[in-house]
Amino acid sequence: MKIMTYKKIFILFFICFYINSNEVSFYSAKYNFQSDDFSVTGVREFLTNENGHELKFNASNLIATLGFSSKFDLENEEVISKNYDINIKPKFLNRDQTVTFNNESKTVSSVGRNTWTSNVENSINLLDPLNAQIMIRSNISKGIGSFKLNIINMRKGGYEQYLFNLIATEKCEFDGEEYQCHIVERTNKDSKRVINYFIIKDLGYIFLKITDEEEGVINKLELKELLSLG
């Protein structure tokens, strides 16, 4: 089995959340990822406690166990990143990584698979690959059809700026029901990679699926079962 690229894994697994202008609600959902050489199904959950908010995903099959977690605060509908953890077994894959956001010293540091420290400009709000999904949903729900997000570069530090555009609205189907879906395209001027997010408006703007295409290779993450919402 070929090992999927690191970037493809963390972009595609972190897809489902529910947020409105006043609060973030709990959810649990089952998603399946498919590519030519890798398939896994897992559960994503949103949790909140006295320490803030957390989005996490856990999945396993006969080959590997995957765990991802983003811890953050929400202030004035903006995500304030705190910690982002990746844990993958078997260990020989060497994919474990922890990223820590120090919002007081304005630095971001990483240990594990990639080790680096980056300074952050005061005017820049950096997101991790998981909690960036919250801002996508929030912007689309508020009718913002074009926006940019700054997402950390997991390999070397710093960040990359991505452009998100609402390119279409069409009917889609989930669990035997028909819904309206917004299609949002993510691009970067320095890459040929294109990611499309299919967002179900009437289910709290959760993601029905994401398609990730680069040089003719397509990977897909798709909602299979909504366990709880709200």
Protein backbone atom coordinates (compact mmCIF):
# COMPACT_ATOMS: atom_id res chain seq x y z
CA MET A 1 0.00 0.00 0.00
CA LYS A 2 1.28 3.44 -0.89
CA ILE A 3 1.15 5.86 2.04
CA MET A 4 -1.05 8.86 1.41
CA THR A 5 0.72 12.20 1.51
CA TYR A 6 0.73 13.87 4.92
CA LYS A 7 -1.00 16.99 3.63
CA LYS A 8 -3.85 15.05 2.03
CA ILE A 9 -4.56 13.19 5.28
CA PHE A 10 -4.99 16.16 7.59
CA ILE A 11 -6.86 18.32 5.09
CA LEU A 12 -9.46 15.69 4.26
CA PHE A 13 -10.25 14.22 7.66
CA PHE A 14 -11.24 17.41 9.45
CA ILE A 15 -14.55 18.23 7.98
CA CYS A 16 -17.63 18.36 10.20
CA PHE A 17 -18.80 20.95 12.75
CA TYR A 18 -21.81 23.02 13.72
CA ILE A 19 -21.68 26.69 14.79
CA ASN A 20 -24.04 29.64 14.78
CA SER A 21 -23.59 33.32 15.51
CA ASN A 22 -24.06 32.84 19.25
CA GLU A 23 -22.79 29.38 20.18
CA VAL A 24 -21.06 26.21 19.08
CA SER A 25 -23.16 23.06 19.41
CA PHE A 26 -22.08 19.50 20.06
CA TYR A 27 -21.99 16.98 17.24
CA SER A 28 -20.81 13.49 16.36
CA ALA A 29 -20.59 12.14 12.81
CA LYS A 30 -19.15 9.21 10.91
CA TYR A 31 -17.08 9.86 7.79
CA ASN A 32 -15.40 7.64 5.22
CA PHE A 33 -12.26 8.58 3.34
CA GLN A 34 -11.48 6.99 -0.03
CA SER A 35 -8.54 7.15 -2.40
CA ASP A 36 -6.97 4.75 -4.87
CA ASP A 37 -4.78 3.20 -2.17
CA PHE A 38 -6.28 4.03 1.24
CA SER A 39 -9.69 3.79 2.92
CA VAL A 40 -10.72 4.43 6.52
CA THR A 41 -13.90 5.24 8.45
CA GLY A 42 -13.92 7.17 11.71
CA VAL A 43 -15.92 9.40 14.05
CA ARG A 44 -15.49 13.14 14.46
CA GLU A 45 -16.73 14.87 17.61
CA PHE A 46 -17.03 18.36 18.99
CA LEU A 47 -16.46 18.76 22.73
CA THR A 48 -16.43 21.75 25.04
CA ASN A 49 -15.50 22.20 28.70
CA GLU A 50 -14.07 24.77 31.08
CA ASN A 51 -10.78 24.71 29.14
CA GLY A 52 -12.31 25.68 25.80
CA HIS A 53 -13.32 23.81 22.66
CA GLU A 54 -12.01 20.71 20.92
CA LEU A 55 -12.57 19.07 17.56
CA LYS A 56 -11.24 15.53 17.24
CA PHE A 57 -11.24 12.65 14.80
CA ASN A 58 -10.40 9.00 15.50
CA ALA A 59 -10.32 6.24 12.90
CA SER A 60 -8.82 2.78 12.54
CA ASN A 61 -8.62 -0.21 10.24
CA LEU A 62 -6.43 -3.30 10.03
CA ILE A 63 -3.45 -1.24 8.93
CA ALA A 64 -3.38 1.92 11.02
CA THR A 65 -4.93 3.98 13.79
CA LEU A 66 -5.33 7.71 13.26
CA GLY A 67 -6.00 10.40 15.86
CA PHE A 68 -6.31 14.16 15.33
CA SER A 69 -7.26 16.89 17.80
CA SER A 70 -7.58 20.68 17.66
CA LYS A 71 -8.05 22.68 20.85
CA PHE A 72 -9.08 26.32 20.55
CA ASP A 73 -11.15 29.20 21.92
CA LEU A 74 -13.89 31.16 20.17
CA GLU A 75 -13.88 34.92 20.64
CA ASN A 76 -16.27 37.19 18.72
CA GLU A 77 -16.87 34.41 16.18
CA GLU A 78 -13.11 34.10 15.55
CA VAL A 79 -11.12 30.93 16.19
CA ILE A 80 -8.16 31.36 18.56
CA SER A 81 -5.90 28.34 18.08
CA LYS A 82 -4.23 26.64 21.05
CA ASN A 83 -3.00 23.12 20.26
CA TYR A 84 -3.10 20.78 17.29
CA ASP A 85 -2.09 17.12 17.72
CA ILE A 86 -1.60 14.29 15.25
CA ASN A 87 -1.03 10.70 16.41
CA ILE A 88 -0.67 7.87 13.90
CA LYS A 89 0.16 4.20 14.46
CA PRO A 90 2.07 2.10 13.54
CA LYS A 91 4.95 4.27 14.70
CA PHE A 92 7.13 3.49 11.69
CA LEU A 93 4.96 5.87 9.69
CA ASN A 94 6.58 8.65 11.76
CA ARG A 95 3.64 11.04 11.54
CA ASP A 96 3.17 12.18 15.17
CA GLN A 97 3.29 15.95 15.52
CA THR A 98 2.19 18.56 18.07
CA VAL A 99 1.76 22.24 17.23
CA THR A 100 1.40 24.80 20.04
CA PHE A 101 0.10 28.35 19.55
CA ASN A 102 1.47 30.83 22.10
CA ASN A 103 -0.87 33.78 21.72
CA GLU A 104 1.00 35.86 24.30
CA SER A 105 4.45 35.65 22.74
CA LYS A 106 2.97 35.48 19.21
CA THR A 107 4.83 32.31 18.28
CA VAL A 108 3.84 28.91 16.92
CA SER A 109 6.06 25.88 17.54
CA SER A 110 6.04 22.27 16.39
CA VAL A 111 7.65 19.10 17.74
CA GLY A 112 7.57 15.55 16.43
CA ARG A 113 7.69 14.72 12.74
CA ASN A 114 8.53 18.35 11.93
CA THR A 115 10.29 20.66 14.40
CA TRP A 116 10.16 24.41 13.92
CA THR A 117 9.22 27.73 15.57
CA SER A 118 7.59 30.65 13.75
CA ASN A 119 6.80 34.20 14.78
CA VAL A 120 3.28 35.49 14.13
CA GLU A 121 2.40 39.02 13.09
CA ASN A 122 -0.06 40.73 15.43
CA SER A 123 -2.58 41.25 12.64
CA ILE A 124 -2.51 37.61 11.45
CA ASN A 125 -4.88 34.98 12.90
CA LEU A 126 -3.34 31.59 12.16
CA LEU A 127 -5.51 28.49 11.92
CA ASP A 128 -4.62 24.82 11.99
CA PRO A 129 -5.88 22.46 9.25
CA LEU A 130 -8.75 21.28 11.48
CA ASN A 131 -10.17 24.42 13.05
CA ALA A 132 -9.94 26.29 9.73
CA GLN A 133 -13.10 24.39 8.83
CA ILE A 134 -15.01 26.37 11.44
CA MET A 135 -14.27 29.65 9.72
CA ILE A 136 -15.33 28.22 6.36
CA ARG A 137 -18.72 27.26 7.75
CA SER A 138 -19.12 30.51 9.65
CA ASN A 139 -18.35 32.68 6.63
CA ILE A 140 -20.64 30.74 4.30
CA SER A 141 -23.49 30.81 6.83
CA LYS A 142 -23.17 34.61 7.00
CA GLY A 143 -23.36 34.95 3.22
CA ILE A 144 -19.66 35.68 2.66
CA GLY A 145 -18.98 34.08 -0.71
CA SER A 146 -15.28 34.90 -1.08
CA PHE A 147 -12.65 35.02 1.67
CA LYS A 148 -9.08 34.14 2.58
CA LEU A 149 -7.73 32.08 5.50
CA ASN A 150 -4.20 31.77 6.84
CA ILE A 151 -3.37 28.13 7.64
CA ILE A 152 -0.11 26.96 9.18
CA ASN A 153 2.39 25.09 7.04
CA MET A 154 2.75 21.83 8.96
CA ARG A 155 6.01 20.87 7.29
CA LYS A 156 8.18 23.98 7.65
CA GLY A 157 6.27 26.49 9.77
CA GLY A 158 4.89 29.85 8.79
CA TYR A 159 1.60 29.85 6.93
CA GLU A 160 -0.02 29.73 3.51
CA GLN A 161 -2.94 31.90 2.48
CA TYR A 162 -5.82 30.14 0.73
CA LEU A 163 -8.67 31.65 -1.27
CA PHE A 164 -12.18 30.25 -0.77
CA ASN A 165 -14.98 30.97 -3.25
CA LEU A 166 -18.63 29.92 -3.26
CA ILE A 167 -18.88 28.63 -6.84
CA ALA A 168 -22.33 27.00 -6.94
CA THR A 169 -25.46 25.99 -5.04
CA GLU A 170 -27.15 22.73 -6.01
CA LYS A 171 -29.38 19.96 -4.70
CA CYS A 172 -27.68 17.09 -2.88
CA GLU A 173 -28.84 13.94 -1.11
CA PHE A 174 -28.01 12.49 2.29
CA ASP A 175 -29.69 9.62 4.12
CA GLY A 176 -32.54 9.49 1.62
CA GLU A 177 -33.37 13.18 1.93
CA GLU A 178 -32.79 16.03 -0.50
CA TYR A 179 -31.00 19.17 0.68
CA GLN A 180 -29.48 22.36 -0.69
CA CYS A 181 -25.68 22.28 -0.84
CA HIS A 182 -23.22 25.13 -1.21
CA ILE A 183 -20.04 24.24 -3.11
CA VAL A 184 -16.94 26.11 -1.94
CA GLU A 185 -13.66 25.90 -3.86
CA ARG A 186 -10.27 26.28 -2.16
CA THR A 187 -7.26 27.35 -4.22
CA ASN A 188 -3.73 28.65 -3.77
CA LYS A 189 -1.92 30.70 -6.38
CA ASP A 190 1.23 28.57 -6.01
CA SER A 191 -0.47 25.18 -6.37
CA LYS A 192 -2.48 23.23 -8.95
CA ARG A 193 -4.38 21.51 -6.17
CA VAL A 194 -8.13 22.24 -5.96
CA ILE A 195 -10.38 21.26 -3.04
CA ASN A 196 -14.18 21.46 -3.21
CA TYR A 197 -16.33 21.48 -0.05
CA PHE A 198 -20.00 20.44 -0.34
CA ILE A 199 -21.85 22.07 2.58
CA ILE A 200 -25.41 21.12 3.60
CA LYS A 201 -27.19 24.36 4.41
CA ASP A 202 -30.19 22.79 6.19
CA LEU A 203 -28.07 20.61 8.50
CA GLY A 204 -26.20 23.37 10.26
CA TYR A 205 -23.77 23.81 7.35
CA ILE A 206 -21.99 20.52 7.97
CA PHE A 207 -19.87 19.03 5.18
CA LEU A 208 -21.48 16.37 3.03
CA LYS A 209 -18.22 15.65 1.23
CA ILE A 210 -14.88 17.07 0.20
CA THR A 211 -13.09 16.28 -3.05
CA ASP A 212 -9.36 16.90 -3.33
CA GLU A 213 -7.88 16.88 -6.83
CA GLU A 214 -4.31 17.38 -7.97
CA GLU A 215 -2.84 16.33 -11.32
CA GLY A 216 -5.71 13.96 -12.03
CA VAL A 217 -5.62 12.21 -8.64
CA ILE A 218 -8.87 12.57 -6.66
CA ASN A 219 -9.41 11.79 -2.98
CA LYS A 220 -12.80 12.05 -1.27
CA LEU A 221 -14.14 12.30 2.26
CA GLU A 222 -17.89 11.71 2.64
CA LEU A 223 -20.44 11.87 5.45
CA LYS A 224 -21.91 8.42 6.14
CA GLU A 225 -23.88 8.85 9.34
CA LEU A 226 -24.87 11.85 11.44
CA LEU A 227 -24.82 10.52 15.00
CA SER A 228 -25.86 13.74 16.77
CA LEU A 229 -26.15 17.46 15.99
CA GLY A 230 -26.98 20.42 18.19
